[in-house]
Amino acid sequence: MLLCGGDGLAEIVGRRWGRYHLPWAPEKTLTGTLAMMLGGWSFALIMIGILTSLNVFPGEFVDYIFPINLIAVAGAAVESLRLPDIDNFTVTAAAVLYGNLLFPPEYWLQ
C-alpha cells in the first residue's frame, strides 16, 4: 500500500507544492516525502480495516496501527534516498522487512 497510495501521490504533491528539497536527495522534496508517507499509511490502514473486519487478518484493527506507522515512516525514509529506478523494490523490501520484524509470527504464518 505504500507504493499504491504513496508513490504516485509523492510525485504529484512534491512537484506541485514542494518547496524544500531534501539535502541528501535534491531532486526530492519534503512535501513529496510526507505525501508518500501519509498516502501509503492511509491506504494501508484502510486495507487493514477491511481485512480485519472480514476476519482475513487475525487480531483487532488497533493491533496494526503502531506497526503500520513505523512501516510507513521506514518506507518514506527509503523512498527519500537517491536510488533511481530501484526505489519501488527498496520500499517494498523495507516494508516486508519491517512487517516481519514488527508483527508476531502468528500474524504472518497463517
PDB file of N, CA and C in Angstrom:
ATOM      1  N   MET A   1       0.812  -1.197   0.000  1.00  0.00           N
ATOM      2  CA  MET A   1       0.000   0.000   0.000  1.00  0.00           C
ATOM      3  C   MET A   1       0.857   1.263   0.000  1.00  0.00           C
ATOM      4  N   LEU A   2       2.113   1.134   0.451  1.00  0.00           N
ATOM      5  CA  LEU A   2       2.998   2.304   0.409  1.00  0.00           C
ATOM      6  C   LEU A   2       3.179   2.790  -1.019  1.00  0.00           C
ATOM      7  N   LEU A   3       3.331   1.857  -1.931  1.00  0.00           N
ATOM      8  CA  LEU A   3       3.513   2.261  -3.322  1.00  0.00           C
ATOM      9  C   LEU A   3       2.189   2.662  -3.968  1.00  0.00           C
ATOM     10  N   CYS A   4       1.132   1.918  -3.675  1.00  0.00           N
ATOM     11  CA  CYS A   4      -0.174   2.235  -4.275  1.00  0.00           C
ATOM     12  C   CYS A   4      -0.683   3.601  -3.828  1.00  0.00           C
ATOM     13  N   GLY A   5      -0.634   3.851  -2.553  1.00  0.00           N
ATOM     14  CA  GLY A   5      -1.186   5.092  -2.027  1.00  0.00           C
ATOM     15  C   GLY A   5      -0.199   6.215  -1.899  1.00  0.00           C
ATOM     16  N   GLY A   6       1.090   5.896  -1.882  1.00  0.00           N
ATOM     17  CA  GLY A   6       2.062   6.924  -1.591  1.00  0.00           C
ATOM     18  C   GLY A   6       2.955   7.369  -2.723  1.00  0.00           C
ATOM     19  N   ASP A   7       3.415   6.448  -3.541  1.00  0.00           N
ATOM     20  CA  ASP A   7       4.429   6.781  -4.537  1.00  0.00           C
ATOM     21  C   ASP A   7       3.923   7.790  -5.567  1.00  0.00           C
ATOM     22  N   GLY A   8       2.774   7.536  -6.130  1.00  0.00           N
ATOM     23  CA  GLY A   8       2.212   8.471  -7.111  1.00  0.00           C
ATOM     24  C   GLY A   8       1.833   9.798  -6.489  1.00  0.00           C
ATOM     25  N   LEU A   9       1.321   9.737  -5.275  1.00  0.00           N
ATOM     26  CA  LEU A   9       0.953  10.961  -4.562  1.00  0.00           C
ATOM     27  C   LEU A   9       2.181  11.818  -4.279  1.00  0.00           C
ATOM     28  N   ALA A  10       3.291  11.177  -3.964  1.00  0.00           N
ATOM     29  CA  ALA A  10       4.535  11.911  -3.707  1.00  0.00           C
ATOM     30  C   ALA A  10       4.961  12.699  -4.930  1.00  0.00           C
ATOM     31  N   GLU A  11       4.851  12.092  -6.083  1.00  0.00           N
ATOM     32  CA  GLU A  11       5.235  12.757  -7.328  1.00  0.00           C
ATOM     33  C   GLU A  11       4.356  13.980  -7.586  1.00  0.00           C
ATOM     34  N   ILE A  12       3.071  13.797  -7.463  1.00  0.00           N
ATOM     35  CA  ILE A  12       2.131  14.888  -7.753  1.00  0.00           C
ATOM     36  C   ILE A  12       2.275  16.021  -6.739  1.00  0.00           C
ATOM     37  N   VAL A  13       2.213  15.683  -5.469  1.00  0.00           N
ATOM     38  CA  VAL A  13       2.281  16.699  -4.408  1.00  0.00           C
ATOM     39  C   VAL A  13       3.649  17.361  -4.368  1.00  0.00           C
ATOM     40  N   GLY A  14       4.698  16.557  -4.526  1.00  0.00           N
ATOM     41  CA  GLY A  14       6.041  17.108  -4.497  1.00  0.00           C
ATOM     42  C   GLY A  14       6.296  18.106  -5.607  1.00  0.00           C
ATOM     43  N   ARG A  15       5.836  17.809  -6.805  1.00  0.00           N
ATOM     44  CA  ARG A  15       6.024  18.742  -7.934  1.00  0.00           C
ATOM     45  C   ARG A  15       5.152  19.985  -7.802  1.00  0.00           C
ATOM     46  N   ARG A  16       3.972  19.803  -7.274  1.00  0.00           N
ATOM     47  CA  ARG A  16       3.032  20.928  -7.203  1.00  0.00           C
ATOM     48  C   ARG A  16       3.339  21.870  -6.039  1.00  0.00           C
ATOM     49  N   TRP A  17       3.577  21.293  -4.855  1.00  0.00           N
ATOM     50  CA  TRP A  17       3.721  22.129  -3.656  1.00  0.00           C
ATOM     51  C   TRP A  17       5.093  22.022  -2.977  1.00  0.00           C
ATOM     52  N   GLY A  18       5.964  21.210  -3.524  1.00  0.00           N
ATOM     53  CA  GLY A  18       7.260  21.015  -2.887  1.00  0.00           C
ATOM     54  C   GLY A  18       8.201  22.197  -3.059  1.00  0.00           C
ATOM     55  N   ARG A  19       8.562  22.806  -1.965  1.00  0.00           N
ATOM     56  CA  ARG A  19       9.495  23.930  -1.996  1.00  0.00           C
ATOM     57  C   ARG A  19      10.832  23.580  -1.382  1.00  0.00           C
ATOM     58  N   TYR A  20      10.793  22.738  -0.361  1.00  0.00           N
ATOM     59  CA  TYR A  20      12.008  22.416   0.390  1.00  0.00           C
ATOM     60  C   TYR A  20      12.547  21.067  -0.074  1.00  0.00           C
ATOM     61  N   HIS A  21      13.704  21.109  -0.681  1.00  0.00           N
ATOM     62  CA  HIS A  21      14.326  19.893  -1.196  1.00  0.00           C
ATOM     63  C   HIS A  21      15.131  19.206  -0.097  1.00  0.00           C
ATOM     64  N   LEU A  22      15.186  17.890  -0.188  1.00  0.00           N
ATOM     65  CA  LEU A  22      15.924  17.107   0.797  1.00  0.00           C
ATOM     66  C   LEU A  22      17.425  17.267   0.562  1.00  0.00           C
ATOM     67  N   PRO A  23      18.199  17.515   1.601  1.00  0.00           N
ATOM     68  CA  PRO A  23      19.637  17.717   1.425  1.00  0.00           C
ATOM     69  C   PRO A  23      20.351  16.509   0.816  1.00  0.00           C
ATOM     70  N   TRP A  24      19.912  15.296   1.125  1.00  0.00           N
ATOM     71  CA  TRP A  24      20.558  14.097   0.616  1.00  0.00           C
ATOM     72  C   TRP A  24      20.011  13.653  -0.738  1.00  0.00           C
ATOM     73  N   ALA A  25      18.923  14.258  -1.178  1.00  0.00           N
ATOM     74  CA  ALA A  25      18.330  13.936  -2.487  1.00  0.00           C
ATOM     75  C   ALA A  25      17.664  15.195  -3.029  1.00  0.00           C
ATOM     76  N   PRO A  26      18.439  16.114  -3.621  1.00  0.00           N
ATOM     77  CA  PRO A  26      17.899  17.410  -4.034  1.00  0.00           C
ATOM     78  C   PRO A  26      16.753  17.346  -5.048  1.00  0.00           C
ATOM     79  N   GLU A  27      16.601  16.229  -5.736  1.00  0.00           N
ATOM     80  CA  GLU A  27      15.502  16.107  -6.695  1.00  0.00           C
ATOM     81  C   GLU A  27      14.178  15.749  -6.015  1.00  0.00           C
ATOM     82  N   LYS A  28      14.237  15.475  -4.717  1.00  0.00           N
ATOM     83  CA  LYS A  28      13.028  15.122  -3.963  1.00  0.00           C
ATOM     84  C   LYS A  28      12.723  16.210  -2.948  1.00  0.00           C
ATOM     85  N   THR A  29      11.435  16.311  -2.598  1.00  0.00           N
ATOM     86  CA  THR A  29      11.020  17.369  -1.680  1.00  0.00           C
ATOM     87  C   THR A  29      10.476  16.789  -0.381  1.00  0.00           C
ATOM     88  N   LEU A  30      10.532  17.600   0.642  1.00  0.00           N
ATOM     89  CA  LEU A  30       9.982  17.211   1.935  1.00  0.00           C
ATOM     90  C   LEU A  30       8.478  16.981   1.814  1.00  0.00           C
ATOM     91  N   THR A  31       7.804  17.842   1.077  1.00  0.00           N
ATOM     92  CA  THR A  31       6.358  17.707   0.891  1.00  0.00           C
ATOM     93  C   THR A  31       6.014  16.402   0.188  1.00  0.00           C
ATOM     94  N   GLY A  32       6.766  16.049  -0.839  1.00  0.00           N
ATOM     95  CA  GLY A  32       6.539  14.794  -1.551  1.00  0.00           C
ATOM     96  C   GLY A  32       6.774  13.586  -0.661  1.00  0.00           C
ATOM     97  N   THR A  33       7.826  13.658   0.152  1.00  0.00           N
ATOM     98  CA  THR A  33       8.128  12.558   1.062  1.00  0.00           C
ATOM     99  C   THR A  33       7.024  12.385   2.099  1.00  0.00           C
ATOM    100  N   LEU A  34       6.544  13.490   2.655  1.00  0.00           N
ATOM    101  CA  LEU A  34       5.440  13.415   3.620  1.00  0.00           C
ATOM    102  C   LEU A  34       4.164  12.900   2.963  1.00  0.00           C
ATOM    103  N   ALA A  35       3.919  13.308   1.717  1.00  0.00           N
ATOM    104  CA  ALA A  35       2.745  12.814   0.995  1.00  0.00           C
ATOM    105  C   ALA A  35       2.849  11.311   0.757  1.00  0.00           C
ATOM    106  N   MET A  36       4.053  10.846   0.460  1.00  0.00           N
ATOM    107  CA  MET A  36       4.260   9.412   0.270  1.00  0.00           C
ATOM    108  C   MET A  36       3.941   8.657   1.552  1.00  0.00           C
ATOM    109  N   MET A  37       4.457   9.169   2.667  1.00  0.00           N
ATOM    110  CA  MET A  37       4.235   8.517   3.945  1.00  0.00           C
ATOM    111  C   MET A  37       2.745   8.517   4.322  1.00  0.00           C
ATOM    112  N   LEU A  38       2.101   9.658   4.215  1.00  0.00           N
ATOM    113  CA  LEU A  38       0.687   9.755   4.606  1.00  0.00           C
ATOM    114  C   LEU A  38      -0.234   9.002   3.656  1.00  0.00           C
ATOM    115  N   GLY A  39       0.057   9.057   2.365  1.00  0.00           N
ATOM    116  CA  GLY A  39      -0.757   8.322   1.395  1.00  0.00           C
ATOM    117  C   GLY A  39      -0.651   6.818   1.590  1.00  0.00           C
ATOM    118  N   GLY A  40       0.584   6.328   1.747  1.00  0.00           N
ATOM    119  CA  GLY A  40       0.781   4.897   1.990  1.00  0.00           C
ATOM    120  C   GLY A  40       0.189   4.460   3.304  1.00  0.00           C
ATOM    121  N   TRP A  41       0.365   5.285   4.326  1.00  0.00           N
ATOM    122  CA  TRP A  41      -0.195   4.997   5.649  1.00  0.00           C
ATOM    123  C   TRP A  41      -1.717   4.899   5.577  1.00  0.00           C
ATOM    124  N   SER A  42      -2.339   5.859   4.902  1.00  0.00           N
ATOM    125  CA  SER A  42      -3.807   5.867   4.783  1.00  0.00           C
ATOM    126  C   SER A  42      -4.313   4.633   4.051  1.00  0.00           C
ATOM    127  N   PHE A  43      -3.697   4.314   2.916  1.00  0.00           N
ATOM    128  CA  PHE A  43      -4.120   3.139   2.158  1.00  0.00           C
ATOM    129  C   PHE A  43      -3.930   1.866   2.977  1.00  0.00           C
ATOM    130  N   ALA A  44      -2.811   1.766   3.686  1.00  0.00           N
ATOM    131  CA  ALA A  44      -2.555   0.574   4.497  1.00  0.00           C
ATOM    132  C   ALA A  44      -3.605   0.424   5.593  1.00  0.00           C
ATOM    133  N   LEU A  45      -3.922   1.513   6.282  1.00  0.00           N
ATOM    134  CA  LEU A  45      -4.930   1.429   7.341  1.00  0.00           C
ATOM    135  C   LEU A  45      -6.307   1.079   6.797  1.00  0.00           C
ATOM    136  N   ILE A  46      -6.644   1.614   5.634  1.00  0.00           N
ATOM    137  CA  ILE A  46      -7.936   1.273   5.022  1.00  0.00           C
ATOM    138  C   ILE A  46      -7.989  -0.218   4.705  1.00  0.00           C
ATOM    139  N   MET A  47      -6.916  -0.733   4.093  1.00  0.00           N
ATOM    140  CA  MET A  47      -6.891  -2.156   3.749  1.00  0.00           C
ATOM    141  C   MET A  47      -6.897  -3.045   4.994  1.00  0.00           C
ATOM    142  N   ILE A  48      -6.128  -2.658   6.000  1.00  0.00           N
ATOM    143  CA  ILE A  48      -6.117  -3.432   7.250  1.00  0.00           C
ATOM    144  C   ILE A  48      -7.497  -3.409   7.889  1.00  0.00           C
ATOM    145  N   GLY A  49      -8.157  -2.258   7.858  1.00  0.00           N
ATOM    146  CA  GLY A  49      -9.515  -2.168   8.396  1.00  0.00           C
ATOM    147  C   GLY A  49     -10.472  -3.109   7.695  1.00  0.00           C
ATOM    148  N   ILE A  50     -10.387  -3.159   6.386  1.00  0.00           N
ATOM    149  CA  ILE A  50     -11.253  -4.059   5.620  1.00  0.00           C
ATOM    150  C   ILE A  50     -10.922  -5.516   5.939  1.00  0.00           C
ATOM    151  N   LEU A  51      -9.643  -5.847   5.921  1.00  0.00           N
ATOM    152  CA  LEU A  51      -9.248  -7.247   6.100  1.00  0.00           C
ATOM    153  C   LEU A  51      -9.472  -7.757   7.521  1.00  0.00           C
ATOM    154  N   THR A  52      -9.314  -6.896   8.518  1.00  0.00           N
ATOM    155  CA  THR A  52      -9.614  -7.350   9.890  1.00  0.00           C
ATOM    156  C   THR A  52     -11.120  -7.469  10.110  1.00  0.00           C
ATOM    157  N   SER A  53     -11.896  -6.586   9.493  1.00  0.00           N
ATOM    158  CA  SER A  53     -13.351  -6.684   9.663  1.00  0.00           C
ATOM    159  C   SER A  53     -13.916  -7.932   8.993  1.00  0.00           C
ATOM    160  N   LEU A  54     -13.244  -8.412   7.959  1.00  0.00           N
ATOM    161  CA  LEU A  54     -13.669  -9.648   7.290  1.00  0.00           C
ATOM    162  C   LEU A  54     -13.016 -10.889   7.895  1.00  0.00           C
ATOM    163  N   ASN A  55     -12.241 -10.698   8.964  1.00  0.00           N
ATOM    164  CA  ASN A  55     -11.522 -11.782   9.637  1.00  0.00           C
ATOM    165  C   ASN A  55     -10.517 -12.489   8.731  1.00  0.00           C
ATOM    166  N   VAL A  56     -10.024 -11.786   7.738  1.00  0.00           N
ATOM    167  CA  VAL A  56      -8.955 -12.329   6.898  1.00  0.00           C
ATOM    168  C   VAL A  56      -7.633 -12.246   7.645  1.00  0.00           C
ATOM    169  N   PHE A  57      -7.423 -11.151   8.379  1.00  0.00           N
ATOM    170  CA  PHE A  57      -6.240 -10.974   9.213  1.00  0.00           C
ATOM    171  C   PHE A  57      -6.631 -11.195  10.659  1.00  0.00           C
ATOM    172  N   PRO A  58      -5.755 -11.835  11.441  1.00  0.00           N
ATOM    173  CA  PRO A  58      -6.074 -12.075  12.853  1.00  0.00           C
ATOM    174  C   PRO A  58      -5.956 -10.798  13.676  1.00  0.00           C
ATOM    175  N   GLY A  59      -6.507 -10.833  14.852  1.00  0.00           N
ATOM    176  CA  GLY A  59      -6.386  -9.710  15.769  1.00  0.00           C
ATOM    177  C   GLY A  59      -7.366  -8.591  15.465  1.00  0.00           C
ATOM    178  N   GLU A  60      -7.180  -7.536  16.209  1.00  0.00           N
ATOM    179  CA  GLU A  60      -8.038  -6.357  16.080  1.00  0.00           C
ATOM    180  C   GLU A  60      -7.344  -5.297  15.241  1.00  0.00           C
ATOM    181  N   PHE A  61      -8.116  -4.396  14.680  1.00  0.00           N
ATOM    182  CA  PHE A  61      -7.586  -3.303  13.871  1.00  0.00           C
ATOM    183  C   PHE A  61      -6.533  -2.504  14.635  1.00  0.00           C
ATOM    184  N   VAL A  62      -6.786  -2.229  15.900  1.00  0.00           N
ATOM    185  CA  VAL A  62      -5.867  -1.406  16.694  1.00  0.00           C
ATOM    186  C   VAL A  62      -4.504  -2.070  16.867  1.00  0.00           C
ATOM    187  N   ASP A  63      -4.444  -3.394  16.751  1.00  0.00           N
ATOM    188  CA  ASP A  63      -3.161  -4.094  16.859  1.00  0.00           C
ATOM    189  C   ASP A  63      -2.213  -3.735  15.714  1.00  0.00           C
ATOM    190  N   TYR A  64      -2.758  -3.242  14.643  1.00  0.00           N
ATOM    191  CA  TYR A  64      -1.966  -2.964  13.443  1.00  0.00           C
ATOM    192  C   TYR A  64      -1.519  -1.509  13.326  1.00  0.00           C
ATOM    193  N   ILE A  65      -2.105  -0.622  14.081  1.00  0.00           N
ATOM    194  CA  ILE A  65      -1.842   0.809  13.891  1.00  0.00           C
ATOM    195  C   ILE A  65      -0.381   1.175  14.137  1.00  0.00           C
ATOM    196  N   PHE A  66       0.181   0.791  15.271  1.00  0.00           N
ATOM    197  CA  PHE A  66       1.564   1.154  15.570  1.00  0.00           C
ATOM    198  C   PHE A  66       2.551   0.570  14.555  1.00  0.00           C
ATOM    199  N   PRO A  67       2.461  -0.731  14.231  1.00  0.00           N
ATOM    200  CA  PRO A  67       3.380  -1.256  13.212  1.00  0.00           C
ATOM    201  C   PRO A  67       3.233  -0.566  11.858  1.00  0.00           C
ATOM    202  N   ILE A  68       2.009  -0.261  11.466  1.00  0.00           N
ATOM    203  CA  ILE A  68       1.796   0.425  10.188  1.00  0.00           C
ATOM    204  C   ILE A  68       2.446   1.807  10.218  1.00  0.00           C
ATOM    205  N   ASN A  69       2.367   2.499  11.348  1.00  0.00           N
ATOM    206  CA  ASN A  69       3.032   3.806  11.469  1.00  0.00           C
ATOM    207  C   ASN A  69       4.533   3.670  11.211  1.00  0.00           C
ATOM    208  N   LEU A  70       5.163   2.694  11.839  1.00  0.00           N
ATOM    209  CA  LEU A  70       6.601   2.505  11.679  1.00  0.00           C
ATOM    210  C   LEU A  70       6.966   2.088  10.257  1.00  0.00           C
ATOM    211  N   ILE A  71       6.166   1.234   9.680  1.00  0.00           N
ATOM    212  CA  ILE A  71       6.423   0.789   8.312  1.00  0.00           C
ATOM    213  C   ILE A  71       6.287   1.954   7.331  1.00  0.00           C
ATOM    214  N   ALA A  72       5.297   2.806   7.531  1.00  0.00           N
ATOM    215  CA  ALA A  72       5.123   3.971   6.654  1.00  0.00           C
ATOM    216  C   ALA A  72       6.303   4.931   6.762  1.00  0.00           C
ATOM    217  N   VAL A  73       6.785   5.161   7.965  1.00  0.00           N
ATOM    218  CA  VAL A  73       7.950   6.035   8.158  1.00  0.00           C
ATOM    219  C   VAL A  73       9.185   5.422   7.499  1.00  0.00           C
ATOM    220  N   ALA A  74       9.394   4.127   7.702  1.00  0.00           N
ATOM    221  CA  ALA A  74      10.552   3.454   7.101  1.00  0.00           C
ATOM    222  C   ALA A  74      10.472   3.477   5.577  1.00  0.00           C
ATOM    223  N   GLY A  75       9.294   3.230   5.034  1.00  0.00           N
ATOM    224  CA  GLY A  75       9.126   3.264   3.583  1.00  0.00           C
ATOM    225  C   GLY A  75       9.388   4.645   3.006  1.00  0.00           C
ATOM    226  N   ALA A  76       8.895   5.670   3.682  1.00  0.00           N
ATOM    227  CA  ALA A  76       9.138   7.044   3.216  1.00  0.00           C
ATOM    228  C   ALA A  76      10.616   7.400   3.312  1.00  0.00           C
ATOM    229  N   ALA A  77      11.286   6.931   4.360  1.00  0.00           N
ATOM    230  CA  ALA A  77      12.718   7.198   4.508  1.00  0.00           C
ATOM    231  C   ALA A  77      13.509   6.533   3.385  1.00  0.00           C
ATOM    232  N   VAL A  78      13.167   5.302   3.064  1.00  0.00           N
ATOM    233  CA  VAL A  78      13.857   4.600   1.982  1.00  0.00           C
ATOM    234  C   VAL A  78      13.541   5.259   0.642  1.00  0.00           C
ATOM    235  N   GLU A  79      12.308   5.672   0.455  1.00  0.00           N
ATOM    236  CA  GLU A  79      11.922   6.322  -0.804  1.00  0.00           C
ATOM    237  C   GLU A  79      12.638   7.655  -0.985  1.00  0.00           C
ATOM    238  N   SER A  80      13.003   8.295   0.100  1.00  0.00           N
ATOM    239  CA  SER A  80      13.665   9.597   0.003  1.00  0.00           C
ATOM    240  C   SER A  80      15.129   9.495  -0.411  1.00  0.00           C
ATOM    241  N   LEU A  81      15.681   8.301  -0.409  1.00  0.00           N
ATOM    242  CA  LEU A  81      17.081   8.120  -0.778  1.00  0.00           C
ATOM    243  C   LEU A  81      17.273   8.250  -2.286  1.00  0.00           C
ATOM    244  N   ARG A  82      18.496   8.503  -2.678  1.00  0.00           N
ATOM    245  CA  ARG A  82      18.829   8.608  -4.103  1.00  0.00           C
ATOM    246  C   ARG A  82      19.038   7.209  -4.673  1.00  0.00           C
ATOM    247  N   LEU A  83      17.967   6.544  -4.979  1.00  0.00           N
ATOM    248  CA  LEU A  83      18.016   5.202  -5.556  1.00  0.00           C
ATOM    249  C   LEU A  83      17.143   5.162  -6.801  1.00  0.00           C
ATOM    250  N   PRO A  84      17.568   5.836  -7.860  1.00  0.00           N
ATOM    251  CA  PRO A  84      16.716   5.889  -9.052  1.00  0.00           C
ATOM    252  C   PRO A  84      16.501   4.501  -9.656  1.00  0.00           C
ATOM    253  N   ASP A  85      15.322   4.285 -10.119  1.00  0.00           N
ATOM    254  CA  ASP A  85      14.910   3.076 -10.833  1.00  0.00           C
ATOM    255  C   ASP A  85      14.779   1.824  -9.962  1.00  0.00           C
ATOM    256  N   ILE A  86      15.197   1.868  -8.698  1.00  0.00           N
ATOM    257  CA  ILE A  86      15.007   0.690  -7.849  1.00  0.00           C
ATOM    258  C   ILE A  86      14.241   1.031  -6.581  1.00  0.00           C
ATOM    259  N   ASP A  87      13.738   2.266  -6.486  1.00  0.00           N
ATOM    260  CA  ASP A  87      13.049   2.658  -5.248  1.00  0.00           C
ATOM    261  C   ASP A  87      11.770   1.858  -5.016  1.00  0.00           C
ATOM    262  N   ASN A  88      11.112   1.412  -6.076  1.00  0.00           N
ATOM    263  CA  ASN A  88       9.925   0.570  -5.868  1.00  0.00           C
ATOM    264  C   ASN A  88      10.305  -0.754  -5.216  1.00  0.00           C
ATOM    265  N   PHE A  89      11.434  -1.295  -5.578  1.00  0.00           N
ATOM    266  CA  PHE A  89      11.912  -2.524  -4.959  1.00  0.00           C
ATOM    267  C   PHE A  89      12.357  -2.280  -3.516  1.00  0.00           C
ATOM    268  N   THR A  90      13.111  -1.222  -3.294  1.00  0.00           N
ATOM    269  CA  THR A  90      13.655  -0.981  -1.958  1.00  0.00           C
ATOM    270  C   THR A  90      12.565  -0.597  -0.953  1.00  0.00           C
ATOM    271  N   VAL A  91      11.554   0.151  -1.385  1.00  0.00           N
ATOM    272  CA  VAL A  91      10.434   0.477  -0.485  1.00  0.00           C
ATOM    273  C   VAL A  91       9.685  -0.794  -0.113  1.00  0.00           C
ATOM    274  N   THR A  92       9.438  -1.647  -1.084  1.00  0.00           N
ATOM    275  CA  THR A  92       8.753  -2.915  -0.818  1.00  0.00           C
ATOM    276  C   THR A  92       9.587  -3.791   0.110  1.00  0.00           C
ATOM    277  N   ALA A  93      10.884  -3.866  -0.140  1.00  0.00           N
ATOM    278  CA  ALA A  93      11.768  -4.675   0.704  1.00  0.00           C
ATOM    279  C   ALA A  93      11.778  -4.152   2.143  1.00  0.00           C
ATOM    280  N   ALA A  94      11.812  -2.839   2.314  1.00  0.00           N
ATOM    281  CA  ALA A  94      11.788  -2.253   3.660  1.00  0.00           C
ATOM    282  C   ALA A  94      10.468  -2.572   4.359  1.00  0.00           C
ATOM    283  N   ALA A  95       9.365  -2.485   3.635  1.00  0.00           N
ATOM    284  CA  ALA A  95       8.058  -2.777   4.230  1.00  0.00           C
ATOM    285  C   ALA A  95       7.958  -4.239   4.638  1.00  0.00           C
ATOM    286  N   VAL A  96       8.451  -5.129   3.814  1.00  0.00           N
ATOM    287  CA  VAL A  96       8.416  -6.561   4.146  1.00  0.00           C
ATOM    288  C   VAL A  96       9.314  -6.847   5.347  1.00  0.00           C
ATOM    289  N   LEU A  97      10.503  -6.278   5.348  1.00  0.00           N
ATOM    290  CA  LEU A  97      11.429  -6.481   6.467  1.00  0.00           C
ATOM    291  C   LEU A  97      10.826  -5.987   7.776  1.00  0.00           C
ATOM    292  N   TYR A  98      10.337  -4.757   7.777  1.00  0.00           N
ATOM    293  CA  TYR A  98       9.745  -4.211   8.996  1.00  0.00           C
ATOM    294  C   TYR A  98       8.477  -4.956   9.394  1.00  0.00           C
ATOM    295  N   GLY A  99       7.679  -5.356   8.419  1.00  0.00           N
ATOM    296  CA  GLY A  99       6.477  -6.129   8.733  1.00  0.00           C
ATOM    297  C   GLY A  99       6.811  -7.436   9.422  1.00  0.00           C
ATOM    298  N   ASN A 100       7.860  -8.114   8.947  1.00  0.00           N
ATOM    299  CA  ASN A 100       8.274  -9.376   9.576  1.00  0.00           C
ATOM    300  C   ASN A 100       8.857  -9.158  10.958  1.00  0.00           C
ATOM    301  N   LEU A 101       9.465  -8.018  11.178  1.00  0.00           N
ATOM    302  CA  LEU A 101      10.034  -7.723  12.491  1.00  0.00           C
ATOM    303  C   LEU A 101       8.983  -7.252  13.498  1.00  0.00           C
ATOM    304  N   LEU A 102       7.997  -6.523  13.027  1.00  0.00           N
ATOM    305  CA  LEU A 102       7.031  -5.889  13.923  1.00  0.00           C
ATOM    306  C   LEU A 102       5.804  -6.739  14.249  1.00  0.00           C
ATOM    307  N   PHE A 103       5.431  -7.623  13.349  1.00  0.00           N
ATOM    308  CA  PHE A 103       4.260  -8.448  13.595  1.00  0.00           C
ATOM    309  C   PHE A 103       4.700  -9.796  14.156  1.00  0.00           C
ATOM    310  N   PRO A 104       4.013 -10.291  15.179  1.00  0.00           N
ATOM    311  CA  PRO A 104       4.388 -11.590  15.738  1.00  0.00           C
ATOM    312  C   PRO A 104       4.166 -12.699  14.702  1.00  0.00           C
ATOM    313  N   PRO A 105       4.894 -13.809  14.844  1.00  0.00           N
ATOM    314  CA  PRO A 105       4.804 -14.894  13.855  1.00  0.00           C
ATOM    315  C   PRO A 105       3.394 -15.399  13.593  1.00  0.00           C
ATOM    316  N   GLU A 106       2.538 -15.387  14.612  1.00  0.00           N
ATOM    317  CA  GLU A 106       1.175 -15.891  14.372  1.00  0.00           C
ATOM    318  C   GLU A 106       0.404 -15.023  13.380  1.00  0.00           C
ATOM    319  N   TYR A 107       0.867 -13.798  13.138  1.00  0.00           N
ATOM    320  CA  TYR A 107       0.201 -12.926  12.183  1.00  0.00           C
ATOM    321  C   TYR A 107       0.624 -13.250  10.756  1.00  0.00           C
ATOM    322  N   TRP A 108       1.845 -13.738  10.551  1.00  0.00           N
ATOM    323  CA  TRP A 108       2.305 -13.949   9.189  1.00  0.00           C
ATOM    324  C   TRP A 108       2.552 -15.398   8.828  1.00  0.00           C
ATOM    325  N   LEU A 109       2.244 -16.322   9.703  1.00  0.00           N
ATOM    326  CA  LEU A 109       2.426 -17.737   9.385  1.00  0.00           C
ATOM    327  C   LEU A 109       1.114 -18.431   9.075  1.00  0.00           C
ATOM    328  N   GLN A 110       0.053 -17.701   8.894  1.00  0.00           N
ATOM    329  CA  GLN A 110      -1.239 -18.337   8.630  1.00  0.00           C
ATOM    330  C   GLN A 110      -1.389 -18.666   7.174  1.00  0.00           C
TER     331      GLN A 110
END
